[in-house]
Amino acid sequence: FSYKILPDLSGKDIRGCVFYKCSPKIDSDECIQIEPIEDVVAYNKTLNLNWANLTGANLTGANLEEADLEGANLTEANLNWANLEGANLEGANLEGALLNWANLEGANLIGANLEGAGLAEADLIGADLIGAYLIGAYLSEANLEGANLTRTDLTRTDLSEANLEGANLTGANLTGANLTGANLKATDLRDAQLYSVTDWEGAKYNDETKGLYDEAWKDVMTYDP
């Protein structure tokens, strides 16, 4: 079925669906069509979902690769196992959303609100999180290798066992964050708020790690060249 006007998908279970631009056009610059994945394998253009209301939507395992979700409201949406590789989520509201095991490699999350979001074991390799809000988010075992977290608010964020190798955390707020067992090799922590980090136990660092200005932290960390 098709819509000429973007529908409100709040709370809708749309597992196994993909979004794509209409082909042919239906008298509209943008419309939405939702079909089972097996019926739309020939379509590879994602729908423009700018500012869409997807509050509480069930998008478990959804394919949203390179989707444009700028400013979308995904509050408490379920995106576990979703494919959001290369997606544009700039300024999106993902407060309380579930993104556990999701693929967010190379995603644009600049200024996004991820407060209280679940991102356990999520793939955020090379993701752009400049100025994002991850207050109280759960990123245990998440892969943030090479990610840009400049000025990101990581207050009370659980980054235990997370891979932050080569990530940029300059100016980030890590007040109350848990870095137990995190990989901080070649991580840039200059100008980050680090004095109130709750736990550094077993976190790995090397000579390329920048910003560890208190030698006492290294006493409980692991040097791993």
Protein backbone atom coordinates (compact mmCIF):
# COMPACT_ATOMS: atom_id res chain seq x y z
CA PHE A 1 0.00 0.00 0.00
CA SER A 2 1.10 3.57 -0.53
CA TYR A 3 0.77 6.95 1.09
CA LYS A 4 1.12 10.33 -0.53
CA ILE A 5 1.51 11.81 2.94
CA LEU A 6 4.06 10.36 5.36
CA PRO A 7 2.07 8.43 7.97
CA ASP A 8 2.57 8.46 11.71
CA LEU A 9 4.12 5.07 12.45
CA SER A 10 4.16 5.50 16.22
CA GLY A 11 4.09 2.10 17.91
CA LYS A 12 3.66 0.24 14.64
CA ASP A 13 5.36 -3.11 14.18
CA ILE A 14 7.10 -2.85 10.83
CA ARG A 15 9.61 -5.65 11.21
CA GLY A 16 10.63 -7.19 7.91
CA CYS A 17 9.82 -4.01 5.99
CA VAL A 18 11.99 -1.59 4.06
CA PHE A 19 11.45 2.01 3.03
CA TYR A 20 12.13 3.26 -0.45
CA LYS A 21 11.21 5.99 -2.85
CA CYS A 22 8.20 5.33 -5.01
CA SER A 23 8.84 3.99 -8.49
CA PRO A 24 7.13 5.28 -10.50
CA LYS A 25 6.27 8.49 -8.67
CA ILE A 26 2.75 8.83 -7.37
CA ASP A 27 2.07 12.52 -7.97
CA SER A 28 4.33 13.40 -5.06
CA ASP A 29 7.97 14.19 -4.46
CA GLU A 30 8.03 11.65 -1.64
CA CYS A 31 5.70 8.92 -0.57
CA ILE A 32 6.04 5.78 1.47
CA GLN A 33 5.49 2.18 0.54
CA ILE A 34 5.84 -0.65 3.01
CA GLU A 35 6.19 -4.14 1.63
CA PRO A 36 7.85 -7.37 2.76
CA ILE A 37 11.57 -7.31 1.99
CA GLU A 38 11.31 -10.17 -0.47
CA ASP A 39 8.89 -8.14 -2.58
CA VAL A 40 11.10 -5.09 -2.93
CA VAL A 41 14.58 -6.48 -3.43
CA ALA A 42 14.82 -4.58 -6.72
CA TYR A 43 14.48 -1.25 -4.92
CA ASN A 44 17.58 0.32 -3.46
CA LYS A 45 16.60 3.93 -2.83
CA THR A 46 15.70 4.72 0.74
CA LEU A 47 12.83 6.98 1.65
CA ASN A 48 13.40 10.47 2.96
CA LEU A 49 12.13 10.21 6.53
CA ASN A 50 13.21 13.67 7.68
CA TRP A 51 11.34 14.67 10.85
CA ALA A 52 9.15 11.56 10.70
CA ASN A 53 7.35 10.52 13.88
CA LEU A 54 8.46 6.95 14.63
CA THR A 55 7.90 7.10 18.37
CA GLY A 56 7.80 3.60 19.84
CA ALA A 57 8.00 1.99 16.39
CA ASN A 58 9.15 -1.62 16.21
CA LEU A 59 11.94 -1.63 13.65
CA THR A 60 13.67 -4.74 14.88
CA GLY A 61 16.05 -5.95 12.18
CA ALA A 62 14.82 -3.33 9.69
CA ASN A 63 16.99 -2.44 6.71
CA LEU A 64 17.48 1.33 6.82
CA GLU A 65 20.89 1.46 5.18
CA GLU A 66 21.68 5.04 4.10
CA ALA A 67 18.18 6.13 5.12
CA ASP A 68 17.65 9.85 5.67
CA LEU A 69 16.23 10.18 9.18
CA GLU A 70 17.43 13.67 9.98
CA GLY A 71 15.44 15.11 12.87
CA ALA A 72 13.22 12.02 13.10
CA ASN A 73 11.53 11.19 16.39
CA LEU A 74 12.54 7.63 17.31
CA THR A 75 11.91 7.96 21.03
CA GLU A 76 11.75 4.46 22.60
CA ALA A 77 11.77 2.84 19.17
CA ASN A 78 13.04 -0.72 18.92
CA LEU A 79 15.92 -0.84 16.45
CA ASN A 80 17.67 -3.91 17.80
CA TRP A 81 19.67 -5.62 15.00
CA ALA A 82 18.62 -2.88 12.56
CA ASN A 83 20.90 -1.98 9.66
CA LEU A 84 21.51 1.76 9.76
CA GLU A 85 24.87 1.73 8.01
CA GLY A 86 25.57 5.15 6.54
CA ALA A 87 22.20 6.47 7.71
CA ASN A 88 21.65 10.17 8.38
CA LEU A 89 20.35 10.59 11.94
CA GLU A 90 21.59 14.11 12.50
CA GLY A 91 19.53 15.79 15.21
CA ALA A 92 17.29 12.73 15.57
CA ASN A 93 15.64 11.98 18.91
CA LEU A 94 16.54 8.43 19.97
CA GLU A 95 15.95 8.87 23.68
CA GLY A 96 15.35 5.48 25.31
CA ALA A 97 15.61 3.72 21.94
CA LEU A 98 16.93 0.17 21.66
CA LEU A 99 19.82 -0.15 19.23
CA ASN A 100 21.48 -3.22 20.65
CA TRP A 101 23.49 -5.14 18.02
CA ALA A 102 22.50 -2.52 15.44
CA ASN A 103 24.78 -1.64 12.52
CA LEU A 104 25.50 2.09 12.63
CA GLU A 105 28.82 1.99 10.83
CA GLY A 106 29.55 5.37 9.27
CA ALA A 107 26.21 6.78 10.45
CA ASN A 108 25.71 10.52 10.96
CA LEU A 109 24.55 11.07 14.54
CA ILE A 110 25.69 14.67 14.91
CA GLY A 111 23.69 16.34 17.68
CA ALA A 112 21.43 13.30 18.08
CA ASN A 113 19.74 12.63 21.42
CA LEU A 114 20.59 9.10 22.59
CA GLU A 115 19.92 9.64 26.27
CA GLY A 116 19.26 6.31 27.98
CA ALA A 117 19.54 4.43 24.68
CA GLY A 118 20.65 0.80 24.57
CA LEU A 119 23.59 0.26 22.22
CA ALA A 120 25.12 -2.93 23.57
CA GLU A 121 27.47 -4.53 21.00
CA ALA A 122 26.37 -1.97 18.40
CA ASP A 123 28.65 -1.32 15.44
CA LEU A 124 29.51 2.39 15.40
CA ILE A 125 32.78 2.15 13.48
CA GLY A 126 33.56 5.53 11.98
CA ALA A 127 30.25 7.01 13.11
CA ASP A 128 29.99 10.78 13.57
CA LEU A 129 28.63 11.64 17.01
CA ILE A 130 29.85 15.22 17.33
CA GLY A 131 27.86 16.96 20.05
CA ALA A 132 25.53 14.01 20.55
CA TYR A 133 23.83 13.35 23.89
CA LEU A 134 24.47 9.88 25.28
CA ILE A 135 23.67 10.59 28.91
CA GLY A 136 23.09 7.29 30.72
CA ALA A 137 23.34 5.31 27.48
CA TYR A 138 24.46 1.68 27.53
CA LEU A 139 27.31 0.98 25.11
CA SER A 140 28.88 -2.05 26.72
CA GLU A 141 30.98 -3.94 24.12
CA ALA A 142 30.01 -1.45 21.42
CA ASN A 143 32.50 -0.94 18.59
CA LEU A 144 33.35 2.75 18.28
CA GLU A 145 36.66 2.35 16.50
CA GLY A 146 37.55 5.56 14.71
CA ALA A 147 34.29 7.22 15.73
CA ASN A 148 34.10 11.00 16.23
CA LEU A 149 32.75 11.81 19.70
CA THR A 150 34.04 15.37 19.88
CA ARG A 151 32.11 17.31 22.56
CA THR A 152 29.78 14.37 23.06
CA ASP A 153 27.97 14.19 26.42
CA LEU A 154 28.79 10.76 27.85
CA THR A 155 27.67 11.51 31.39
CA ARG A 156 26.98 8.24 33.26
CA THR A 157 27.42 6.29 30.02
CA ASP A 158 28.39 2.62 30.30
CA LEU A 159 31.34 2.07 27.97
CA SER A 160 32.59 -1.09 29.65
CA GLU A 161 34.49 -3.34 27.23
CA ALA A 162 33.73 -0.87 24.41
CA ASN A 163 36.22 -0.52 21.58
CA LEU A 164 37.24 3.14 21.32
CA GLU A 165 40.51 2.55 19.50
CA GLY A 166 41.40 5.59 17.43
CA ALA A 167 38.21 7.39 18.46
CA ASN A 168 38.15 11.16 18.94
CA LEU A 169 36.74 12.17 22.34
CA THR A 170 38.23 15.65 22.54
CA GLY A 171 36.13 17.85 24.77
CA ALA A 172 33.74 15.01 25.63
CA ASN A 173 32.01 14.89 29.01
CA LEU A 174 32.72 11.54 30.70
CA THR A 175 31.46 12.48 34.14
CA GLY A 176 30.34 9.28 35.89
CA ALA A 177 31.16 7.14 32.83
CA ASN A 178 32.22 3.50 33.19
CA LEU A 179 35.32 2.64 31.14
CA THR A 180 36.01 -0.77 32.67
CA GLY A 181 37.94 -2.88 30.16
CA ALA A 182 37.45 -0.34 27.37
CA ASN A 183 39.97 -0.21 24.52
CA LEU A 184 41.46 3.30 24.57
CA LYS A 185 44.44 2.61 22.35
CA ALA A 186 45.21 5.65 20.17
CA THR A 187 42.10 7.35 21.59
CA ASP A 188 42.18 11.14 21.78
CA LEU A 189 40.91 12.25 25.20
CA ARG A 190 42.38 15.73 25.23
CA ASP A 191 40.23 18.34 26.97
CA ALA A 192 37.71 15.66 27.94
CA GLN A 193 36.15 15.74 31.43
CA LEU A 194 37.75 12.65 32.95
CA TYR A 195 38.18 13.25 36.67
CA SER A 196 34.79 11.80 37.58
CA VAL A 197 35.06 8.63 35.48
CA THR A 198 33.77 5.93 37.80
CA ASP A 199 36.01 3.07 36.71
CA TRP A 200 39.15 2.70 34.58
CA GLU A 201 39.84 -0.87 35.71
CA GLY A 202 41.46 -2.91 32.95
CA ALA A 203 41.03 -0.22 30.28
CA LYS A 204 43.72 -0.55 27.62
CA TYR A 205 45.96 2.31 26.50
CA ASN A 206 49.17 2.74 24.56
CA ASP A 207 51.68 5.44 23.64
CA GLU A 208 49.27 6.86 21.08
CA THR A 209 46.54 7.46 23.66
CA LYS A 210 46.24 11.21 24.25
CA GLY A 211 44.87 13.08 27.26
CA LEU A 212 45.55 10.66 30.14
CA TYR A 213 47.09 13.42 32.23
CA ASP A 214 46.65 11.75 35.64
CA GLU A 215 49.19 8.97 36.14
CA ALA A 216 46.99 7.50 38.90
CA TRP A 217 44.52 6.36 36.25
CA LYS A 218 47.20 4.29 34.57
CA ASP A 219 47.77 2.38 37.81
CA VAL A 220 44.53 0.49 37.27
CA MET A 221 44.69 0.48 33.46
CA THR A 222 46.47 -1.97 31.18
CA TYR A 223 49.31 -0.82 28.96
CA ASP A 224 48.91 -2.62 25.65
CA PRO A 225 51.38 -1.50 22.99
